[in-house]
Amino acid sequence: RMGKSVGNAYTVSDVEKKGIEPLALRYLYLTAHYRDPLNFTWEALDGAQSALERLRSQVSNFSSQESGGGKGKVKEYRDKFTDALDNDLGTPQALAVVWDVVKSDISSVDKRKLILSFDEVLGLEVSKVPQVSKVPKEVRERVRQREELRKQEKWDEADKVRKEMLEMGYTIKDTDSGPQVKKLRVTSNK
């Protein structure tokens, strides 16, 4: 239970000050059934923000150009989503269906269409393009330097550059399409 007198009541402004968007709070709420208590922690909210970002990233990678195919599977997922909501507004199960679609073998265009239709109910703005914050010049230089070190197989030196970037407030993830730089969010143990 939250309350001002207990000192554990937070506002949307408090959430935004931590670098977490308000829709992550909605995502967190959707992970619990409305009749069940939800244990709010900053760690749980941070996890919800990460999950929302992953979902948006996945949706942005799904093609909207190719032709769809597996209509039977699409109907099956649509029915599962509807059944979850029809069963006493089972949003945790509905959210699980969304992730099942992401991991499914249906076409990319079908995944996109299906998830966007689910989002009309969930309201998570999954079509929102993941925001890439403007990376400062010195961070971009570190990324370039690290990539050169990795090409030369100087792994220890490359790890030192990664640590320097962490100290600057940025993390780097190596992907098939190249390094992805991301600004770290402000976290707290409150």
N, C-alpha and C. Protein backbone atom coordinates (compact mmCIF):
# COMPACT_ATOMS: atom_id res chain seq x y z
N ARG A 1 0.85 -1.18 0.00
CA ARG A 1 0.00 0.00 0.00
C ARG A 1 0.89 1.24 0.00
N MET A 2 0.56 2.17 -0.86
CA MET A 2 1.32 3.42 -0.93
C MET A 2 0.59 4.52 -0.19
N GLY A 3 1.37 5.38 0.39
CA GLY A 3 0.78 6.51 1.07
C GLY A 3 1.81 7.57 1.35
N LYS A 4 1.38 8.84 1.30
CA LYS A 4 2.30 9.94 1.58
C LYS A 4 2.82 9.88 3.00
N SER A 5 1.94 9.50 3.95
CA SER A 5 2.36 9.47 5.35
C SER A 5 3.43 8.42 5.59
N VAL A 6 3.41 7.34 4.80
CA VAL A 6 4.42 6.28 4.94
C VAL A 6 5.69 6.66 4.19
N GLY A 7 5.56 7.58 3.22
CA GLY A 7 6.72 8.02 2.46
C GLY A 7 7.01 7.18 1.24
N ASN A 8 6.03 6.40 0.81
CA ASN A 8 6.28 5.56 -0.36
C ASN A 8 5.30 5.86 -1.49
N ALA A 9 4.81 7.07 -1.55
CA ALA A 9 3.93 7.47 -2.65
C ALA A 9 4.78 8.22 -3.67
N TYR A 10 4.62 7.85 -4.93
CA TYR A 10 5.41 8.47 -5.99
C TYR A 10 4.48 9.04 -7.04
N THR A 11 4.94 10.06 -7.70
CA THR A 11 4.17 10.68 -8.77
C THR A 11 4.82 10.35 -10.12
N VAL A 12 4.11 10.67 -11.18
CA VAL A 12 4.65 10.45 -12.52
C VAL A 12 5.92 11.28 -12.69
N SER A 13 5.96 12.45 -12.08
CA SER A 13 7.18 13.28 -12.14
C SER A 13 8.37 12.56 -11.52
N ASP A 14 8.13 11.84 -10.42
CA ASP A 14 9.20 11.07 -9.79
C ASP A 14 9.73 10.00 -10.75
N VAL A 15 8.81 9.38 -11.46
CA VAL A 15 9.18 8.34 -12.42
C VAL A 15 10.02 8.95 -13.54
N GLU A 16 9.57 10.08 -14.07
CA GLU A 16 10.28 10.74 -15.17
C GLU A 16 11.66 11.23 -14.73
N LYS A 17 11.79 11.67 -13.49
CA LYS A 17 13.09 12.12 -12.99
C LYS A 17 14.12 11.00 -12.96
N LYS A 18 13.65 9.78 -12.87
CA LYS A 18 14.54 8.62 -12.86
C LYS A 18 14.90 8.18 -14.28
N GLY A 19 14.39 8.91 -15.28
CA GLY A 19 14.68 8.57 -16.66
C GLY A 19 13.82 7.45 -17.20
N ILE A 20 12.69 7.21 -16.56
CA ILE A 20 11.78 6.15 -16.97
C ILE A 20 10.51 6.80 -17.50
N GLU A 21 10.06 6.34 -18.65
CA GLU A 21 8.86 6.95 -19.23
C GLU A 21 7.60 6.42 -18.55
N PRO A 22 6.56 7.24 -18.48
CA PRO A 22 5.32 6.83 -17.82
C PRO A 22 4.68 5.57 -18.40
N LEU A 23 4.87 5.30 -19.69
CA LEU A 23 4.29 4.09 -20.27
C LEU A 23 4.92 2.82 -19.71
N ALA A 24 6.11 2.93 -19.16
CA ALA A 24 6.72 1.78 -18.50
C ALA A 24 5.91 1.43 -17.25
N LEU A 25 5.34 2.44 -16.63
CA LEU A 25 4.48 2.22 -15.47
C LEU A 25 3.22 1.45 -15.91
N ARG A 26 2.67 1.82 -17.05
CA ARG A 26 1.52 1.08 -17.59
C ARG A 26 1.91 -0.37 -17.88
N TYR A 27 3.08 -0.57 -18.47
CA TYR A 27 3.55 -1.93 -18.75
C TYR A 27 3.64 -2.73 -17.45
N LEU A 28 4.19 -2.10 -16.41
CA LEU A 28 4.30 -2.77 -15.11
C LEU A 28 2.92 -3.14 -14.58
N TYR A 29 1.97 -2.23 -14.69
CA TYR A 29 0.60 -2.52 -14.23
C TYR A 29 -0.01 -3.69 -15.00
N LEU A 30 0.28 -3.77 -16.28
CA LEU A 30 -0.29 -4.83 -17.11
C LEU A 30 0.28 -6.21 -16.76
N THR A 31 1.42 -6.25 -16.09
CA THR A 31 2.03 -7.53 -15.74
C THR A 31 1.35 -8.19 -14.54
N ALA A 32 0.49 -7.45 -13.86
CA ALA A 32 -0.23 -8.00 -12.71
C ALA A 32 -1.73 -7.90 -12.97
N HIS A 33 -2.46 -8.87 -12.48
CA HIS A 33 -3.92 -8.84 -12.62
C HIS A 33 -4.47 -7.70 -11.76
N TYR A 34 -5.50 -7.06 -12.24
CA TYR A 34 -6.02 -5.90 -11.52
C TYR A 34 -6.56 -6.24 -10.14
N ARG A 35 -6.91 -7.49 -9.89
CA ARG A 35 -7.41 -7.88 -8.56
C ARG A 35 -6.30 -8.22 -7.58
N ASP A 36 -5.09 -8.43 -8.10
CA ASP A 36 -3.95 -8.82 -7.26
C ASP A 36 -3.13 -7.61 -6.88
N PRO A 37 -2.57 -7.63 -5.68
CA PRO A 37 -1.70 -6.51 -5.30
C PRO A 37 -0.42 -6.53 -6.14
N LEU A 38 0.11 -5.35 -6.40
CA LEU A 38 1.33 -5.21 -7.17
C LEU A 38 2.40 -4.64 -6.24
N ASN A 39 3.51 -5.32 -6.14
CA ASN A 39 4.61 -4.83 -5.31
C ASN A 39 5.47 -3.90 -6.15
N PHE A 40 5.28 -2.59 -5.96
CA PHE A 40 6.03 -1.60 -6.73
C PHE A 40 7.44 -1.48 -6.17
N THR A 41 8.41 -1.65 -7.05
CA THR A 41 9.81 -1.35 -6.71
C THR A 41 10.41 -0.62 -7.91
N TRP A 42 11.44 0.15 -7.66
CA TRP A 42 12.12 0.83 -8.76
C TRP A 42 12.77 -0.18 -9.69
N GLU A 43 13.23 -1.29 -9.13
CA GLU A 43 13.84 -2.33 -9.95
C GLU A 43 12.80 -2.94 -10.90
N ALA A 44 11.60 -3.18 -10.40
CA ALA A 44 10.54 -3.73 -11.24
C ALA A 44 10.17 -2.74 -12.33
N LEU A 45 10.12 -1.46 -12.00
CA LEU A 45 9.79 -0.43 -12.98
C LEU A 45 10.89 -0.32 -14.03
N ASP A 46 12.13 -0.42 -13.59
CA ASP A 46 13.25 -0.40 -14.53
C ASP A 46 13.18 -1.61 -15.47
N GLY A 47 12.80 -2.75 -14.94
CA GLY A 47 12.62 -3.95 -15.77
C GLY A 47 11.49 -3.77 -16.77
N ALA A 48 10.42 -3.12 -16.35
CA ALA A 48 9.30 -2.85 -17.26
C ALA A 48 9.74 -1.91 -18.38
N GLN A 49 10.55 -0.91 -18.04
CA GLN A 49 11.07 0.01 -19.05
C GLN A 49 11.93 -0.75 -20.06
N SER A 50 12.78 -1.63 -19.57
CA SER A 50 13.63 -2.43 -20.47
C SER A 50 12.80 -3.33 -21.37
N ALA A 51 11.78 -3.96 -20.80
CA ALA A 51 10.91 -4.84 -21.59
C ALA A 51 10.17 -4.04 -22.66
N LEU A 52 9.68 -2.87 -22.30
CA LEU A 52 8.97 -2.03 -23.27
C LEU A 52 9.92 -1.60 -24.39
N GLU A 53 11.13 -1.24 -24.04
CA GLU A 53 12.12 -0.86 -25.06
C GLU A 53 12.44 -2.03 -25.99
N ARG A 54 12.58 -3.23 -25.40
CA ARG A 54 12.84 -4.43 -26.22
C ARG A 54 11.68 -4.70 -27.17
N LEU A 55 10.46 -4.56 -26.67
CA LEU A 55 9.28 -4.79 -27.49
C LEU A 55 9.23 -3.78 -28.65
N ARG A 56 9.46 -2.53 -28.34
CA ARG A 56 9.46 -1.51 -29.40
C ARG A 56 10.56 -1.77 -30.42
N SER A 57 11.71 -2.17 -29.95
CA SER A 57 12.81 -2.48 -30.85
C SER A 57 12.44 -3.63 -31.78
N GLN A 58 11.81 -4.66 -31.21
CA GLN A 58 11.38 -5.81 -32.02
C GLN A 58 10.37 -5.36 -33.07
N VAL A 59 9.38 -4.60 -32.65
CA VAL A 59 8.33 -4.16 -33.57
C VAL A 59 8.92 -3.29 -34.67
N SER A 60 9.88 -2.43 -34.33
CA SER A 60 10.49 -1.57 -35.35
C SER A 60 11.31 -2.38 -36.35
N ASN A 61 11.77 -3.57 -35.95
CA ASN A 61 12.53 -4.42 -36.87
C ASN A 61 11.63 -5.28 -37.75
N PHE A 62 10.36 -5.41 -37.38
CA PHE A 62 9.44 -6.20 -38.20
C PHE A 62 9.10 -5.41 -39.45
N SER A 63 9.10 -6.10 -40.55
CA SER A 63 8.83 -5.47 -41.83
C SER A 63 7.35 -5.15 -41.99
N SER A 64 7.09 -4.07 -42.67
CA SER A 64 5.71 -3.75 -43.02
C SER A 64 5.55 -3.87 -44.53
N GLN A 65 6.57 -4.41 -45.20
CA GLN A 65 6.58 -4.47 -46.66
C GLN A 65 6.30 -5.85 -47.24
N GLU A 66 6.76 -6.90 -46.59
CA GLU A 66 6.58 -8.22 -47.18
C GLU A 66 5.13 -8.68 -47.06
N SER A 67 4.79 -9.68 -47.82
CA SER A 67 3.41 -10.17 -47.77
C SER A 67 3.25 -11.16 -46.62
N GLY A 68 2.11 -11.10 -45.98
CA GLY A 68 1.82 -11.99 -44.86
C GLY A 68 1.51 -13.39 -45.34
N GLY A 69 1.49 -14.34 -44.40
CA GLY A 69 1.27 -15.71 -44.81
C GLY A 69 0.36 -16.48 -43.90
N GLY A 70 0.86 -16.96 -42.78
CA GLY A 70 0.18 -17.90 -41.90
C GLY A 70 -1.07 -17.37 -41.23
N LYS A 71 -2.16 -17.29 -41.96
CA LYS A 71 -3.41 -16.73 -41.42
C LYS A 71 -3.96 -17.57 -40.26
N GLY A 72 -3.77 -18.90 -40.32
CA GLY A 72 -4.25 -19.76 -39.25
C GLY A 72 -3.60 -19.44 -37.93
N LYS A 73 -2.29 -19.26 -37.97
CA LYS A 73 -1.54 -18.92 -36.75
C LYS A 73 -1.94 -17.54 -36.24
N VAL A 74 -2.13 -16.61 -37.16
CA VAL A 74 -2.52 -15.25 -36.77
C VAL A 74 -3.84 -15.29 -36.02
N LYS A 75 -4.80 -16.03 -36.55
CA LYS A 75 -6.11 -16.15 -35.89
C LYS A 75 -5.95 -16.80 -34.52
N GLU A 76 -5.08 -17.79 -34.43
CA GLU A 76 -4.84 -18.48 -33.15
C GLU A 76 -4.32 -17.49 -32.09
N TYR A 77 -3.35 -16.65 -32.48
CA TYR A 77 -2.82 -15.66 -31.53
C TYR A 77 -3.87 -14.61 -31.18
N ARG A 78 -4.64 -14.18 -32.19
CA ARG A 78 -5.68 -13.19 -31.94
C ARG A 78 -6.71 -13.75 -30.96
N ASP A 79 -7.08 -15.02 -31.13
CA ASP A 79 -8.04 -15.66 -30.22
C ASP A 79 -7.48 -15.80 -28.81
N LYS A 80 -6.21 -16.15 -28.70
CA LYS A 80 -5.58 -16.28 -27.37
C LYS A 80 -5.59 -14.93 -26.65
N PHE A 81 -5.27 -13.87 -27.39
CA PHE A 81 -5.25 -12.52 -26.81
C PHE A 81 -6.65 -12.14 -26.33
N THR A 82 -7.64 -12.35 -27.18
CA THR A 82 -9.03 -12.02 -26.82
C THR A 82 -9.50 -12.86 -25.65
N ASP A 83 -9.17 -14.15 -25.66
CA ASP A 83 -9.57 -15.04 -24.55
C ASP A 83 -8.97 -14.56 -23.23
N ALA A 84 -7.72 -14.14 -23.26
CA ALA A 84 -7.06 -13.66 -22.04
C ALA A 84 -7.80 -12.45 -21.48
N LEU A 85 -8.16 -11.52 -22.34
CA LEU A 85 -8.87 -10.32 -21.88
C LEU A 85 -10.30 -10.63 -21.47
N ASP A 86 -10.92 -11.57 -22.17
CA ASP A 86 -12.29 -11.97 -21.81
C ASP A 86 -12.34 -12.69 -20.47
N ASN A 87 -11.24 -13.28 -20.07
CA ASN A 87 -11.18 -14.00 -18.81
C ASN A 87 -10.81 -13.02 -17.68
N ASP A 88 -11.77 -12.23 -17.26
CA ASP A 88 -11.60 -11.27 -16.16
C ASP A 88 -10.43 -10.31 -16.40
N LEU A 89 -10.34 -9.82 -17.63
CA LEU A 89 -9.32 -8.85 -18.01
C LEU A 89 -7.91 -9.33 -17.63
N GLY A 90 -7.55 -10.48 -18.12
CA GLY A 90 -6.25 -11.09 -17.82
C GLY A 90 -5.11 -10.45 -18.59
N THR A 91 -4.74 -9.25 -18.19
CA THR A 91 -3.69 -8.54 -18.92
C THR A 91 -2.32 -9.23 -18.85
N PRO A 92 -1.96 -9.90 -17.75
CA PRO A 92 -0.67 -10.60 -17.78
C PRO A 92 -0.62 -11.68 -18.87
N GLN A 93 -1.73 -12.39 -19.04
CA GLN A 93 -1.79 -13.42 -20.08
C GLN A 93 -1.80 -12.78 -21.47
N ALA A 94 -2.50 -11.66 -21.62
CA ALA A 94 -2.53 -10.96 -22.90
C ALA A 94 -1.14 -10.47 -23.28
N LEU A 95 -0.41 -9.96 -22.30
CA LEU A 95 0.96 -9.51 -22.55
C LEU A 95 1.86 -10.69 -22.93
N ALA A 96 1.61 -11.83 -22.32
CA ALA A 96 2.37 -13.04 -22.66
C ALA A 96 2.11 -13.44 -24.11
N VAL A 97 0.89 -13.26 -24.59
CA VAL A 97 0.57 -13.57 -25.98
C VAL A 97 1.37 -12.65 -26.91
N VAL A 98 1.50 -11.37 -26.53
CA VAL A 98 2.29 -10.43 -27.33
C VAL A 98 3.71 -10.97 -27.51
N TRP A 99 4.31 -11.41 -26.41
CA TRP A 99 5.68 -11.93 -26.49
C TRP A 99 5.74 -13.25 -27.24
N ASP A 100 4.67 -14.06 -27.16
CA ASP A 100 4.62 -15.29 -27.95
C ASP A 100 4.64 -14.96 -29.44
N VAL A 101 3.93 -13.91 -29.82
CA VAL A 101 3.92 -13.48 -31.22
C VAL A 101 5.32 -13.04 -31.65
N VAL A 102 5.99 -12.28 -30.80
CA VAL A 102 7.34 -11.82 -31.11
C VAL A 102 8.25 -13.01 -31.41
N LYS A 103 8.13 -14.07 -30.61
CA LYS A 103 9.00 -15.24 -30.75
C LYS A 103 8.51 -16.24 -31.79
N SER A 104 7.33 -16.03 -32.34
CA SER A 104 6.72 -17.01 -33.24
C SER A 104 7.42 -17.07 -34.59
N ASP A 105 7.00 -18.04 -35.38
CA ASP A 105 7.57 -18.20 -36.72
C ASP A 105 6.66 -17.65 -37.82
N ILE A 106 5.67 -16.85 -37.45
CA ILE A 106 4.83 -16.23 -38.48
C ILE A 106 5.63 -15.12 -39.15
N SER A 107 5.14 -14.65 -40.27
CA SER A 107 5.90 -13.65 -41.03
C SER A 107 6.05 -12.35 -40.23
N SER A 108 7.08 -11.65 -40.57
CA SER A 108 7.39 -10.38 -39.92
C SER A 108 6.25 -9.38 -40.05
N VAL A 109 5.65 -9.32 -41.24
CA VAL A 109 4.55 -8.37 -41.45
C VAL A 109 3.33 -8.76 -40.62
N ASP A 110 3.06 -10.06 -40.48
CA ASP A 110 1.94 -10.51 -39.66
C ASP A 110 2.19 -10.20 -38.19
N LYS A 111 3.44 -10.39 -37.74
CA LYS A 111 3.79 -10.06 -36.35
C LYS A 111 3.51 -8.59 -36.09
N ARG A 112 3.97 -7.75 -37.00
CA ARG A 112 3.79 -6.30 -36.82
C ARG A 112 2.32 -5.93 -36.75
N LYS A 113 1.54 -6.40 -37.72
CA LYS A 113 0.11 -6.07 -37.76
C LYS A 113 -0.60 -6.56 -36.50
N LEU A 114 -0.29 -7.78 -36.10
CA LEU A 114 -0.94 -8.37 -34.94
C LEU A 114 -0.61 -7.61 -33.65
N ILE A 115 0.66 -7.32 -33.46
CA ILE A 115 1.07 -6.61 -32.25
C ILE A 115 0.50 -5.19 -32.23
N LEU A 116 0.48 -4.54 -33.37
CA LEU A 116 -0.10 -3.19 -33.41
C LEU A 116 -1.60 -3.23 -33.11
N SER A 117 -2.28 -4.28 -33.54
CA SER A 117 -3.71 -4.38 -33.21
C SER A 117 -3.89 -4.66 -31.71
N PHE A 118 -3.02 -5.47 -31.12
CA PHE A 118 -3.08 -5.71 -29.67
C PHE A 118 -2.81 -4.42 -28.91
N ASP A 119 -1.91 -3.60 -29.45
CA ASP A 119 -1.54 -2.36 -28.77
C ASP A 119 -2.68 -1.35 -28.76
N GLU A 120 -3.65 -1.50 -29.65
CA GLU A 120 -4.82 -0.63 -29.60
C GLU A 120 -5.57 -0.83 -28.29
N VAL A 121 -5.42 -2.01 -27.69
CA VAL A 121 -6.04 -2.31 -26.40
C VAL A 121 -5.08 -1.97 -25.26
N LEU A 122 -3.82 -2.36 -25.41
CA LEU A 122 -2.86 -2.20 -24.32
C LEU A 122 -2.37 -0.76 -24.16
N GLY A 123 -2.29 -0.02 -25.24
CA GLY A 123 -1.88 1.39 -25.17
C GLY A 123 -0.44 1.62 -24.77
N LEU A 124 0.46 0.78 -25.26
CA LEU A 124 1.88 0.91 -24.90
C LEU A 124 2.70 1.68 -25.94
N GLU A 125 2.05 2.11 -27.01
CA GLU A 125 2.71 2.84 -28.09
C GLU A 125 3.93 2.07 -28.61
N VAL A 126 3.71 0.78 -28.92
CA VAL A 126 4.83 -0.05 -29.37
C VAL A 126 5.34 0.34 -30.75
N SER A 127 4.56 1.10 -31.50
CA SER A 127 5.03 1.53 -32.81
C SER A 127 5.97 2.73 -32.71
N LYS A 128 6.06 3.29 -31.53
CA LYS A 128 6.95 4.42 -31.29
C LYS A 128 8.39 3.97 -31.56
N VAL A 129 9.06 4.67 -32.43
CA VAL A 129 10.43 4.31 -32.76
C VAL A 129 11.30 4.50 -31.52
N PRO A 130 12.12 3.49 -31.19
CA PRO A 130 12.99 3.65 -30.02
C PRO A 130 13.83 4.91 -30.14
N GLN A 131 13.83 5.68 -29.09
CA GLN A 131 14.57 6.94 -29.11
C GLN A 131 16.06 6.68 -28.95
N VAL A 132 16.82 7.24 -29.86
CA VAL A 132 18.27 7.15 -29.76
C VAL A 132 18.73 8.54 -29.33
N SER A 133 19.23 8.60 -28.12
CA SER A 133 19.66 9.90 -27.63
C SER A 133 20.92 10.32 -28.39
N LYS A 134 21.09 11.60 -28.52
CA LYS A 134 22.27 12.11 -29.21
C LYS A 134 23.49 11.75 -28.37
N VAL A 135 24.36 11.01 -28.99
CA VAL A 135 25.56 10.54 -28.29
C VAL A 135 26.65 11.59 -28.45
N PRO A 136 27.23 12.04 -27.33
CA PRO A 136 28.28 13.06 -27.41
C PRO A 136 29.48 12.58 -28.25
N LYS A 137 30.17 13.55 -28.79
CA LYS A 137 31.31 13.27 -29.67
C LYS A 137 32.35 12.39 -28.98
N GLU A 138 32.65 12.67 -27.71
CA GLU A 138 33.69 11.89 -27.01
C GLU A 138 33.27 10.43 -26.83
N VAL A 139 31.97 10.19 -26.69
CA VAL A 139 31.48 8.81 -26.57
C VAL A 139 31.57 8.12 -27.92
N ARG A 140 31.18 8.83 -28.98
CA ARG A 140 31.30 8.26 -30.33
C ARG A 140 32.75 7.91 -30.65
N GLU A 141 33.66 8.75 -30.20
CA GLU A 141 35.09 8.50 -30.42
C GLU A 141 35.53 7.22 -29.68
N ARG A 142 35.01 7.04 -28.45
CA ARG A 142 35.34 5.82 -27.68
C ARG A 142 34.82 4.57 -28.39
N VAL A 143 33.62 4.69 -28.97
CA VAL A 143 33.04 3.56 -29.71
C VAL A 143 33.93 3.20 -30.89
N ARG A 144 34.35 4.21 -31.65
CA ARG A 144 35.22 3.98 -32.80
C ARG A 144 36.53 3.33 -32.35
N GLN A 145 37.10 3.88 -31.28
CA GLN A 145 38.37 3.36 -30.73
C GLN A 145 38.20 1.90 -30.30
N ARG A 146 37.10 1.60 -29.64
CA ARG A 146 36.86 0.24 -29.17
C ARG A 146 36.71 -0.73 -30.34
N GLU A 147 36.02 -0.30 -31.38
CA GLU A 147 35.85 -1.15 -32.56
C GLU A 147 37.20 -1.46 -33.20
N GLU A 148 38.08 -0.46 -33.27
CA GLU A 148 39.42 -0.69 -33.82
C GLU A 148 40.19 -1.70 -32.98
N LEU A 149 40.11 -1.55 -31.66
CA LEU A 149 40.80 -2.49 -30.77
C LEU A 149 40.25 -3.90 -30.92
N ARG A 150 38.95 -4.02 -31.09
CA ARG A 150 38.34 -5.34 -31.27
C ARG A 150 38.79 -5.97 -32.58
N LYS A 151 38.91 -5.18 -33.64
CA LYS A 151 39.38 -5.70 -34.93
C LYS A 151 40.81 -6.22 -34.81
N GLN A 152 41.58 -5.57 -33.95
CA GLN A 152 42.97 -5.98 -33.73
C GLN A 152 43.07 -7.07 -32.66
N GLU A 153 41.91 -7.51 -32.16
CA GLU A 153 41.81 -8.54 -31.11
C GLU A 153 42.55 -8.16 -29.83
N LYS A 154 42.50 -6.88 -29.51
CA LYS A 154 43.07 -6.38 -28.25
C LYS A 154 41.91 -6.27 -27.25
N TRP A 155 41.49 -7.42 -26.75
CA TRP A 155 40.28 -7.53 -25.96
C TRP A 155 40.36 -6.78 -24.63
N ASP A 156 41.51 -6.86 -23.95
CA ASP A 156 41.64 -6.18 -22.65
C ASP A 156 41.52 -4.66 -22.81
N GLU A 157 42.16 -4.13 -23.84
CA GLU A 157 42.09 -2.69 -24.08
C GLU A 157 40.67 -2.27 -24.47
N ALA A 158 40.02 -3.10 -25.25
CA ALA A 158 38.63 -2.81 -25.65
C ALA A 158 37.73 -2.81 -24.42
N ASP A 159 37.96 -3.73 -23.49
CA ASP A 159 37.18 -3.76 -22.25
C ASP A 159 37.41 -2.51 -21.41
N LYS A 160 38.64 -1.99 -21.42
CA LYS A 160 38.93 -0.75 -20.68
C LYS A 160 38.13 0.41 -21.25
N VAL A 161 38.02 0.46 -22.58
CA VAL A 161 37.25 1.52 -23.22
C VAL A 161 35.78 1.38 -22.85
N ARG A 162 35.28 0.14 -22.80
CA ARG A 162 33.89 -0.09 -22.39
C ARG A 162 33.66 0.44 -20.98
N LYS A 163 34.61 0.19 -20.08
CA LYS A 163 34.48 0.67 -18.69
C LYS A 163 34.50 2.19 -18.64
N GLU A 164 35.33 2.81 -19.47
CA GLU A 164 35.36 4.27 -19.53
C GLU A 164 33.99 4.81 -19.96
N MET A 165 33.39 4.12 -20.93
CA MET A 165 32.07 4.55 -21.41
C MET A 165 31.03 4.41 -20.30
N LEU A 166 31.12 3.35 -19.51
CA LEU A 166 30.19 3.18 -18.39
C LEU A 166 30.33 4.33 -17.40
N GLU A 167 31.58 4.72 -17.14
CA GLU A 167 31.81 5.84 -16.23
C GLU A 167 31.24 7.14 -16.80
N MET A 168 31.17 7.24 -18.12
CA MET A 168 30.61 8.42 -18.78
C MET A 168 29.08 8.35 -18.83
N GLY A 169 28.52 7.21 -18.40
CA GLY A 169 27.07 7.06 -18.37
C GLY A 169 26.48 6.42 -19.60
N TYR A 170 27.29 5.67 -20.36
CA TYR A 170 26.81 5.01 -21.57
C TYR A 170 27.19 3.54 -21.55
N THR A 171 26.31 2.74 -22.11
CA THR A 171 26.59 1.31 -22.24
C THR A 171 26.66 0.99 -23.73
N ILE A 172 27.36 -0.08 -24.05
CA ILE A 172 27.49 -0.47 -25.45
C ILE A 172 27.14 -1.94 -25.58
N LYS A 173 26.38 -2.24 -26.63
CA LYS A 173 25.98 -3.61 -26.89
C LYS A 173 26.44 -3.97 -28.29
N ASP A 174 27.12 -5.09 -28.42
CA ASP A 174 27.60 -5.53 -29.72
C ASP A 174 26.50 -6.34 -30.41
N THR A 175 26.15 -5.92 -31.62
CA THR A 175 25.12 -6.62 -32.40
C THR A 175 25.68 -6.94 -33.78
N ASP A 176 24.95 -7.75 -34.52
CA ASP A 176 25.36 -8.11 -35.88
C ASP A 176 25.45 -6.88 -36.79
N SER A 177 24.62 -5.88 -36.51
CA SER A 177 24.62 -4.67 -37.34
C SER A 177 25.57 -3.59 -36.81
N GLY A 178 26.38 -3.93 -35.82
CA GLY A 178 27.34 -2.98 -35.26
C GLY A 178 27.03 -2.65 -33.82
N PRO A 179 27.87 -1.85 -33.18
CA PRO A 179 27.66 -1.51 -31.77
C PRO A 179 26.47 -0.58 -31.58
N GLN A 180 25.71 -0.82 -30.51
CA GLN A 180 24.61 0.05 -30.14
C GLN A 180 24.95 0.73 -28.82
N VAL A 181 24.92 2.04 -28.84
CA VAL A 181 25.24 2.83 -27.64
C VAL A 181 23.95 3.33 -27.04
N LYS A 182 23.90 3.27 -25.71
CA LYS A 182 22.68 3.68 -25.02
C LYS A 182 23.06 4.41 -23.74
N LYS A 183 22.38 5.50 -23.48
CA LYS A 183 22.60 6.25 -22.25
C LYS A 183 21.98 5.49 -21.10
N LEU A 184 22.72 5.36 -20.01
CA LEU A 184 22.20 4.67 -18.83
C LEU A 184 21.15 5.53 -18.16
N ARG A 185 20.14 4.86 -17.62
CA ARG A 185 19.11 5.58 -16.86
C ARG A 185 19.60 5.79 -15.44
N VAL A 186 19.07 6.83 -14.82
CA VAL A 186 19.36 7.09 -13.42
C VAL A 186 18.56 6.11 -12.60
N THR A 187 19.22 5.36 -11.72
CA THR A 187 18.51 4.42 -10.86
C THR A 187 18.75 4.77 -9.43
N SER A 188 17.87 4.27 -8.60
CA SER A 188 17.96 4.53 -7.17
C SER A 188 17.48 3.30 -6.42
N ASN A 189 17.91 3.14 -5.20
CA ASN A 189 17.50 2.00 -4.40
C ASN A 189 16.30 2.32 -3.53
N LYS A 190 15.65 3.46 -3.77
CA LYS A 190 14.46 3.80 -2.99
C LYS A 190 13.37 2.84 -3.25
